[in-house]
Amino acid sequence: MAIEKYITISDLLVLVPISRSTVYRLMRENKFPQCHKLPESMGDIWSEKEVLGWLDTLPKSKSKKKR
């Protein structure tokens, strides 16, 4: 049985190429995995599996090198 791993906002911002405010905006728009609220204002956490799944849905960028 696998144990679910959760990450904090600090860890999340290392993984995703967007800002903190964009994370919360996308959550409000149901376009980003929802956070889980910790008790007594201890912060928010996200399922790492859900966040990595969301990242996999993003279009892959094609880098173009200029010569």
Protein backbone atom coordinates (compact mmCIF):
# COMPACT_ATOMS: atom_id res chain seq x y z
CA MET A 1 0.00 0.00 0.00
CA ALA A 2 1.47 3.33 -1.08
CA ILE A 3 1.40 6.27 1.29
CA GLU A 4 0.17 9.54 -0.18
CA LYS A 5 2.74 12.33 -0.05
CA TYR A 6 1.64 15.91 0.56
CA ILE A 7 3.60 19.06 -0.18
CA THR A 8 3.50 22.61 1.17
CA ILE A 9 3.16 25.77 -0.90
CA SER A 10 6.95 26.24 -0.79
CA ASP A 11 7.50 22.77 -2.25
CA LEU A 12 4.69 23.28 -4.73
CA LEU A 13 6.22 26.47 -6.13
CA VAL A 14 9.46 24.59 -6.80
CA LEU A 15 7.55 22.03 -8.88
CA VAL A 16 5.19 24.24 -10.87
CA PRO A 17 6.13 27.06 -13.24
CA ILE A 18 3.59 29.55 -11.84
CA SER A 19 3.30 32.03 -8.98
CA ARG A 20 1.55 31.55 -5.65
CA SER A 21 -1.30 33.88 -6.65
CA THR A 22 -1.78 31.98 -9.92
CA VAL A 23 -2.01 28.69 -8.00
CA TYR A 24 -4.89 30.03 -5.90
CA ARG A 25 -6.59 31.65 -8.91
CA LEU A 26 -6.44 28.39 -10.87
CA MET A 27 -7.83 26.55 -7.84
CA ARG A 28 -10.79 28.96 -7.71
CA GLU A 29 -11.34 28.27 -11.42
CA ASN A 30 -11.09 24.49 -10.82
CA LYS A 31 -8.09 24.32 -13.15
CA PHE A 32 -5.55 23.20 -10.53
CA PRO A 33 -5.65 20.50 -7.84
CA GLN A 34 -7.41 21.69 -4.70
CA CYS A 35 -5.43 22.09 -1.50
CA HIS A 36 -6.19 20.48 1.81
CA LYS A 37 -6.47 22.91 4.73
CA LEU A 38 -4.54 22.01 7.84
CA PRO A 39 -6.19 22.72 11.18
CA GLU A 40 -5.75 25.96 13.08
CA SER A 41 -4.26 28.02 10.23
CA MET A 42 -1.22 25.78 9.88
CA GLY A 43 -1.30 26.22 6.11
CA ASP A 44 -2.33 24.38 3.00
CA ILE A 45 -0.98 21.15 1.53
CA TRP A 46 -1.41 19.51 -1.87
CA SER A 47 -1.30 15.91 -2.97
CA GLU A 48 2.02 15.52 -4.78
CA LYS A 49 0.43 12.86 -7.02
CA GLU A 50 -2.35 15.27 -8.08
CA VAL A 51 0.10 18.10 -8.75
CA LEU A 52 2.39 15.87 -10.83
CA GLY A 53 -0.68 14.63 -12.72
CA TRP A 54 -1.67 18.23 -13.43
CA LEU A 55 1.85 18.97 -14.70
CA ASP A 56 1.58 16.01 -17.09
CA THR A 57 -1.52 17.60 -18.65
CA LEU A 58 0.33 20.78 -19.61
CA PRO A 59 1.34 21.17 -23.24
CA LYS A 60 4.97 20.36 -23.79
CA SER A 61 6.89 23.45 -24.87
CA LYS A 62 9.17 23.24 -27.83
CA SER A 63 12.36 25.17 -27.32
CA LYS A 64 13.68 26.89 -30.40
CA LYS A 65 17.32 27.79 -30.55
CA LYS A 66 18.25 30.94 -32.42
CA ARG A 67 21.48 30.88 -34.33
